[in-house]
């Protein structure tokens, strides 16, 4: 009743699974790196906005 596979077939499946696993790990790594870059970009954007508003206030005070 059961299906039997040769050791070559088992090895081929294991190799293919290893390739898929490696590809998945690469995708996860790239996604995490992208998320980290995006987080840093947002933080820097927030700092820039804060700096710009501070500069604007200082500029307005100095023009008075």
Protein backbone atom coordinates (compact mmCIF):
# COMPACT_ATOMS: atom_id res chain seq x y z
CA UNK A 1 0.00 0.00 0.00
CA UNK A 2 2.76 2.48 0.91
CA UNK A 3 4.94 4.28 -1.64
CA UNK A 4 8.66 3.58 -1.47
CA UNK A 5 11.26 6.04 -2.71
CA UNK A 6 14.82 5.30 -3.71
CA UNK A 7 17.64 6.94 -1.81
CA UNK A 8 18.40 9.02 -4.94
CA UNK A 9 14.85 10.37 -4.92
CA UNK A 10 15.07 11.12 -1.20
CA UNK A 11 18.40 12.90 -1.72
CA UNK A 12 16.96 14.94 -4.59
CA UNK A 13 14.03 16.03 -2.42
CA UNK A 14 16.37 16.94 0.45
CA UNK A 15 18.56 19.02 -1.90
CA UNK A 16 15.52 20.83 -3.26
CA UNK A 17 14.22 21.50 0.25
CA UNK A 18 17.64 22.86 1.23
CA UNK A 19 17.50 25.25 -1.76
CA UNK A 20 14.02 26.42 -0.76
CA UNK A 21 15.12 26.83 2.84
CA UNK A 22 18.14 28.92 1.78
CA UNK A 23 15.95 31.07 -0.49
CA UNK A 24 13.46 31.60 2.31
CA UNK A 25 16.21 32.56 4.77
CA UNK A 26 17.56 35.06 2.21
CA UNK A 27 14.11 36.59 1.77
CA UNK A 28 13.66 36.88 5.55
CA UNK A 29 17.09 38.51 5.91
CA UNK A 30 16.40 40.99 3.10
CA UNK A 31 12.99 41.84 4.54
CA UNK A 32 14.44 42.47 8.00
CA UNK A 33 17.22 44.64 6.51
CA UNK A 34 14.66 46.62 4.51
CA UNK A 35 12.49 47.12 7.60
CA UNK A 36 15.50 48.31 9.60
CA UNK A 37 16.49 50.78 6.86
CA UNK A 38 12.91 52.06 6.69
CA UNK A 39 12.82 52.49 10.48
CA UNK A 40 16.09 54.46 10.41
CA UNK A 41 14.83 56.56 7.49
CA UNK A 42 11.63 57.42 9.39
CA UNK A 43 13.61 58.33 12.52
CA UNK A 44 15.93 60.55 10.48
CA UNK A 45 12.96 62.13 8.73
CA UNK A 46 11.45 62.95 12.12
CA UNK A 47 14.72 64.51 13.29
CA UNK A 48 14.96 66.55 10.09
CA UNK A 49 11.42 67.85 10.52
CA UNK A 50 12.21 68.76 14.10
CA UNK A 51 15.45 70.51 13.04
CA UNK A 52 13.67 72.37 10.26
CA UNK A 53 10.97 73.68 12.59
CA UNK A 54 13.64 74.74 15.11
CA UNK A 55 15.59 76.49 12.35
CA UNK A 56 12.42 78.23 11.15
CA UNK A 57 11.68 79.50 14.66
CA UNK A 58 15.24 80.73 15.10
CA UNK A 59 15.15 82.40 11.70
CA UNK A 60 11.87 84.17 12.56
CA UNK A 61 13.31 85.40 15.88
CA UNK A 62 16.49 86.69 14.23
CA UNK A 63 14.51 88.58 11.56
CA UNK A 64 12.54 90.54 14.16
